[in-house]
């Protein structure tokens, strides 16, 4: 079987220490892709570090909600006049479910254009698009995946939309399977490339009592990887970057960083005959 895997470090741009860690992982070939949040406070720092390291462009990690842990004042949209996306103070809502349900399609489209434009204005040309906190996928009960697929087709981008939901994501988007199937069909019709399956450590950080359980959860998913190109999503961060997070969430990010350099993880990849690639 030809099984390929993109190993993606999400959330480039949230703070300089996380940026430095992800760039090091990219430079060392430990991860094969990364994603950048243009509205995050250290997005410009991330672009500078990528250029200094001679690395290629990250994917666009579209954010329609604020990162609670990193921005005490909230994140702001790049587009102007997108009232359905913002709180009264002009920031993106912290609650991703609020962002997903309140957003209008015209405002989402304007913000997609603005975040993509922010990257292109800096000569950073992302090959693909995906969604911070899952607001485009319907995880919180309303799918915007069709809108994202059309946007990607218009701008020559691939889209992180799994062709197969898998057990965990299938539970997360219960009731939205028809919307998911429709978005997958639309992607195929428009030539938007999508991954076969998404892998991650899906348990909330507070429910993971030890590093060994996180590693076992991820390695078990490798054994079930289908043919084609799938994606492993991780959120690696050093200890100094997670002090403001809830203890379980911060610990999980530190453990995901540990996983990426764990010989047992890399032995599992070799044992399963999985080829690491940079894109779907």
Protein backbone atom coordinates (compact mmCIF):
# COMPACT_ATOMS: atom_id res chain seq x y z
CA UNK A 1 0.00 0.00 0.00
CA UNK A 2 1.17 3.54 -0.81
CA UNK A 3 0.51 5.43 2.41
CA UNK A 4 1.77 8.98 2.74
CA UNK A 5 1.59 11.38 5.67
CA UNK A 6 1.99 15.13 6.01
CA UNK A 7 3.17 15.99 9.53
CA UNK A 8 1.95 19.52 10.23
CA UNK A 9 2.89 21.83 13.09
CA UNK A 10 -0.08 24.18 13.50
CA UNK A 11 -0.25 27.70 14.92
CA UNK A 12 2.83 29.47 13.61
CA UNK A 13 2.48 33.11 14.62
CA UNK A 14 1.05 32.81 18.12
CA UNK A 15 4.27 33.86 19.90
CA UNK A 16 8.00 34.14 19.09
CA UNK A 17 9.04 31.10 21.15
CA UNK A 18 6.52 28.84 19.40
CA UNK A 19 7.67 30.30 16.07
CA UNK A 20 11.29 29.47 16.87
CA UNK A 21 10.35 25.91 17.87
CA UNK A 22 8.30 25.22 14.74
CA UNK A 23 10.95 26.70 12.43
CA UNK A 24 13.56 24.46 14.08
CA UNK A 25 11.32 21.42 13.58
CA UNK A 26 10.86 22.37 9.92
CA UNK A 27 14.57 22.93 9.39
CA UNK A 28 15.39 19.58 10.98
CA UNK A 29 12.82 17.76 8.85
CA UNK A 30 10.88 16.59 11.91
CA UNK A 31 7.67 18.10 10.57
CA UNK A 32 6.97 18.44 6.85
CA UNK A 33 4.55 21.40 6.90
CA UNK A 34 3.34 24.25 9.06
CA UNK A 35 0.46 26.73 9.16
CA UNK A 36 0.48 30.48 9.82
CA UNK A 37 -2.23 32.53 11.55
CA UNK A 38 -2.07 36.04 10.00
CA UNK A 39 -4.17 37.62 12.77
CA UNK A 40 -1.95 36.24 15.55
CA UNK A 41 0.36 38.66 17.37
CA UNK A 42 3.67 37.15 16.18
CA UNK A 43 2.70 36.51 12.55
CA UNK A 44 5.24 38.98 11.17
CA UNK A 45 7.93 37.42 13.38
CA UNK A 46 7.05 34.02 11.91
CA UNK A 47 7.49 35.29 8.34
CA UNK A 48 10.89 36.73 9.26
CA UNK A 49 12.05 33.47 10.85
CA UNK A 50 10.90 31.37 7.89
CA UNK A 51 12.80 33.60 5.47
CA UNK A 52 15.93 33.59 7.62
CA UNK A 53 15.85 29.78 7.68
CA UNK A 54 15.29 29.55 3.91
CA UNK A 55 12.04 27.63 4.35
CA UNK A 56 9.04 27.56 2.03
CA UNK A 57 5.66 29.15 2.55
CA UNK A 58 3.34 27.83 5.27
CA UNK A 59 -0.33 27.13 4.71
CA UNK A 60 -2.89 29.79 5.61
CA UNK A 61 -4.41 28.89 8.98
CA UNK A 62 -7.60 30.96 8.81
CA UNK A 63 -8.75 32.23 12.20
CA UNK A 64 -12.30 33.43 12.77
CA UNK A 65 -11.92 33.26 16.56
CA UNK A 66 -9.36 34.65 19.00
CA UNK A 67 -6.70 32.56 20.68
CA UNK A 68 -7.65 32.72 24.35
CA UNK A 69 -4.24 31.65 25.57
CA UNK A 70 -2.03 34.06 23.62
CA UNK A 71 -3.83 37.37 23.18
CA UNK A 72 -5.22 38.96 26.29
CA UNK A 73 -6.74 41.74 24.20
CA UNK A 74 -8.16 39.37 21.55
CA UNK A 75 -7.28 38.97 17.90
CA UNK A 76 -8.67 41.36 15.32
CA UNK A 77 -9.87 40.55 11.80
CA UNK A 78 -7.80 41.95 8.95
CA UNK A 79 -10.83 42.89 6.84
CA UNK A 80 -12.87 45.96 7.68
CA UNK A 81 -16.65 45.97 7.90
CA UNK A 82 -17.14 42.34 8.96
CA UNK A 83 -19.56 42.89 11.87
CA UNK A 84 -20.77 39.30 12.07
CA UNK A 85 -17.22 38.18 12.89
CA UNK A 86 -16.51 40.57 15.75
CA UNK A 87 -17.42 41.34 19.32
CA UNK A 88 -18.48 44.88 20.31
CA UNK A 89 -14.80 45.75 20.98
CA UNK A 90 -13.83 44.73 17.44
CA UNK A 91 -12.08 41.48 18.35
CA UNK A 92 -12.81 38.00 17.05
CA UNK A 93 -14.81 35.98 19.61
CA UNK A 94 -12.90 33.60 21.84
CA UNK A 95 -15.58 30.91 21.55
CA UNK A 96 -15.18 29.15 18.19
CA UNK A 97 -18.80 27.96 18.32
CA UNK A 98 -19.99 31.58 18.58
CA UNK A 99 -17.77 32.52 15.63
CA UNK A 100 -19.08 29.64 13.52
CA UNK A 101 -22.77 30.25 14.14
CA UNK A 102 -22.76 34.03 13.97
CA UNK A 103 -20.62 34.55 10.87
CA UNK A 104 -22.26 35.46 7.58
CA UNK A 105 -20.89 34.00 4.35
CA UNK A 106 -20.07 37.45 2.84
CA UNK A 107 -18.10 38.42 5.98
CA UNK A 108 -16.28 35.07 6.03
CA UNK A 109 -15.36 35.49 2.37
CA UNK A 110 -14.06 39.03 2.97
CA UNK A 111 -11.91 37.84 5.86
CA UNK A 112 -10.59 34.90 3.83
CA UNK A 113 -9.53 37.38 1.14
CA UNK A 114 -7.93 39.65 3.74
CA UNK A 115 -5.93 36.93 5.50
CA UNK A 116 -4.73 35.50 2.19
CA UNK A 117 -3.89 39.02 1.04
CA UNK A 118 -1.84 39.64 4.21
CA UNK A 119 0.39 36.69 3.30
CA UNK A 120 0.63 37.51 -0.39
CA UNK A 121 1.49 41.16 0.37
CA UNK A 122 4.57 39.79 2.16
CA UNK A 123 5.42 37.53 -0.78
CA UNK A 124 4.39 34.47 1.21
CA UNK A 125 2.35 32.33 -1.18
CA UNK A 126 0.51 29.62 0.78
CA UNK A 127 -0.17 26.36 -1.07
CA UNK A 128 -3.28 25.54 0.94
CA UNK A 129 -5.79 26.72 3.52
CA UNK A 130 -7.11 25.24 6.75
CA UNK A 131 -9.09 26.33 9.77
CA UNK A 132 -7.99 27.38 13.25
CA UNK A 133 -10.30 25.87 15.90
CA UNK A 134 -12.31 24.12 13.17
CA UNK A 135 -14.67 27.02 12.49
CA UNK A 136 -14.89 26.24 8.76
CA UNK A 137 -15.63 22.53 9.17
CA UNK A 138 -18.87 22.41 11.10
CA UNK A 139 -17.36 20.96 14.26
CA UNK A 140 -19.58 23.31 16.26
CA UNK A 141 -22.76 22.60 14.31
CA UNK A 142 -22.69 24.76 11.16
CA UNK A 143 -20.51 23.91 8.17
CA UNK A 144 -18.75 26.63 6.18
CA UNK A 145 -16.71 24.06 4.27
CA UNK A 146 -18.50 24.70 0.97
CA UNK A 147 -17.64 28.39 1.16
CA UNK A 148 -14.01 27.51 1.87
CA UNK A 149 -13.84 25.02 -1.02
CA UNK A 150 -15.13 27.64 -3.48
CA UNK A 151 -12.61 30.17 -2.16
CA UNK A 152 -9.75 27.68 -2.51
CA UNK A 153 -10.77 26.82 -6.07
CA UNK A 154 -10.85 30.51 -7.00
CA UNK A 155 -7.36 31.10 -5.59
CA UNK A 156 -5.55 27.89 -6.51
CA UNK A 157 -5.33 26.55 -2.95
CA UNK A 158 -5.67 23.07 -1.52
CA UNK A 159 -7.92 22.65 1.53
CA UNK A 160 -7.58 20.64 4.72
CA UNK A 161 -10.90 18.84 4.46
CA UNK A 162 -10.63 15.11 5.20
CA UNK A 163 -12.16 12.85 2.61
CA UNK A 164 -12.94 10.39 5.43
CA UNK A 165 -14.11 11.71 8.78
CA UNK A 166 -12.79 8.88 10.91
CA UNK A 167 -14.28 7.91 14.25
CA UNK A 168 -13.43 11.01 16.28
CA UNK A 169 -14.25 13.63 13.67
CA UNK A 170 -17.36 11.69 12.70
CA UNK A 171 -18.64 12.13 16.23
CA UNK A 172 -17.64 15.80 16.25
CA UNK A 173 -19.68 16.64 13.15
CA UNK A 174 -22.66 14.38 13.79
CA UNK A 175 -25.63 15.66 11.84
CA UNK A 176 -23.39 17.40 9.30
CA UNK A 177 -22.32 14.37 7.29
CA UNK A 178 -24.36 15.49 4.28
CA UNK A 179 -22.61 18.88 4.33
CA UNK A 180 -19.25 17.13 4.57
CA UNK A 181 -20.01 14.81 1.66
CA UNK A 182 -21.19 17.76 -0.41
CA UNK A 183 -18.00 19.71 0.30
CA UNK A 184 -15.85 16.71 -0.64
CA UNK A 185 -17.75 16.30 -3.92
CA UNK A 186 -17.39 20.01 -4.60
CA UNK A 187 -13.64 19.84 -3.96
CA UNK A 188 -13.28 16.96 -6.41
CA UNK A 189 -15.36 18.77 -9.05
CA UNK A 190 -13.26 21.94 -8.73
CA UNK A 191 -9.89 20.19 -8.50
CA UNK A 192 -9.18 21.25 -4.91
CA UNK A 193 -6.85 18.67 -3.39
CA UNK A 194 -7.82 17.40 0.07
CA UNK A 195 -6.23 14.90 2.49
CA UNK A 196 -7.57 11.38 2.87
CA UNK A 197 -7.76 11.36 6.67
CA UNK A 198 -6.79 13.60 9.58
CA UNK A 199 -4.86 12.21 12.55
CA UNK A 200 -4.11 13.94 15.82
CA UNK A 201 -4.17 13.49 19.56
CA UNK A 202 -7.90 14.11 19.82
CA UNK A 203 -8.40 13.93 23.59
CA UNK A 204 -8.57 17.27 25.43
CA UNK A 205 -5.38 17.96 27.34
CA UNK A 206 -7.06 17.66 30.71
CA UNK A 207 -8.06 14.06 29.91
CA UNK A 208 -4.53 12.91 29.03
CA UNK A 209 -2.87 11.84 32.30
CA UNK A 210 0.57 11.02 30.87
CA UNK A 211 2.77 11.37 27.82
CA UNK A 212 2.64 7.64 27.13
CA UNK A 213 -1.12 7.78 26.50
CA UNK A 214 -0.76 10.62 23.99
CA UNK A 215 1.96 8.72 22.13
CA UNK A 216 -0.06 5.51 22.12
CA UNK A 217 -3.13 7.35 20.78
CA UNK A 218 -1.19 8.74 17.82
CA UNK A 219 0.75 5.56 17.05
CA UNK A 220 -2.46 3.50 17.06
CA UNK A 221 -3.85 5.77 14.34
CA UNK A 222 -0.77 5.19 12.17
CA UNK A 223 -1.61 1.50 11.98
CA UNK A 224 -5.03 2.33 10.50
CA UNK A 225 -3.80 4.84 7.94
CA UNK A 226 -5.53 4.31 4.56
CA UNK A 227 -3.92 4.46 1.15
CA UNK A 228 -3.31 7.95 -0.19
CA UNK A 229 -2.08 11.08 1.58
CA UNK A 230 -3.30 11.84 5.09
CA UNK A 231 -2.23 14.43 7.65
CA UNK A 232 -1.06 14.35 11.26
CA UNK A 233 -1.83 17.62 13.05
CA UNK A 234 0.23 18.62 16.09
CA UNK A 235 0.57 21.84 18.07
CA UNK A 236 4.13 21.77 19.42
CA UNK A 237 5.24 24.45 21.85
CA UNK A 238 8.06 24.85 24.38
CA UNK A 239 7.31 25.08 28.08
CA UNK A 240 7.95 28.84 28.19
CA UNK A 241 5.14 29.39 25.66
CA UNK A 242 2.37 27.57 27.50
CA UNK A 243 2.48 29.24 30.93
CA UNK A 244 -0.69 31.24 30.20
CA UNK A 245 -2.65 28.16 29.08
CA UNK A 246 -4.77 25.86 31.17
CA UNK A 247 -2.40 23.25 32.64
CA UNK A 248 -3.75 20.29 30.67
CA UNK A 249 -3.75 22.15 27.35
CA UNK A 250 -0.26 23.51 27.83
CA UNK A 251 1.09 20.14 28.92
CA UNK A 252 -0.40 18.54 25.80
CA UNK A 253 1.46 20.95 23.51
CA UNK A 254 4.73 20.25 25.28
CA UNK A 255 4.09 16.52 24.92
CA UNK A 256 3.31 16.89 21.22
CA UNK A 257 6.70 18.56 20.82
CA UNK A 258 8.26 15.62 22.65
CA UNK A 259 6.41 13.16 20.39
CA UNK A 260 7.92 14.64 17.24
CA UNK A 261 11.44 13.79 18.42
CA UNK A 262 10.53 10.47 20.05
CA UNK A 263 12.40 7.50 18.48
CA UNK A 264 9.38 5.26 19.20
CA UNK A 265 7.18 7.49 17.03
CA UNK A 266 9.65 7.38 14.16
CA UNK A 267 10.06 3.61 14.50
CA UNK A 268 6.29 3.28 14.17
CA UNK A 269 6.34 5.32 10.96
CA UNK A 270 9.04 3.05 9.51
CA UNK A 271 7.31 -0.12 10.71
CA UNK A 272 4.10 0.93 8.97
CA UNK A 273 5.96 1.85 5.77
CA UNK A 274 4.58 5.40 5.82
CA UNK A 275 6.27 7.99 3.61
CA UNK A 276 6.47 11.55 4.95
CA UNK A 277 5.54 14.21 2.37
CA UNK A 278 5.10 18.02 2.45
CA UNK A 279 1.62 18.24 0.87
CA UNK A 280 -1.51 16.28 0.03
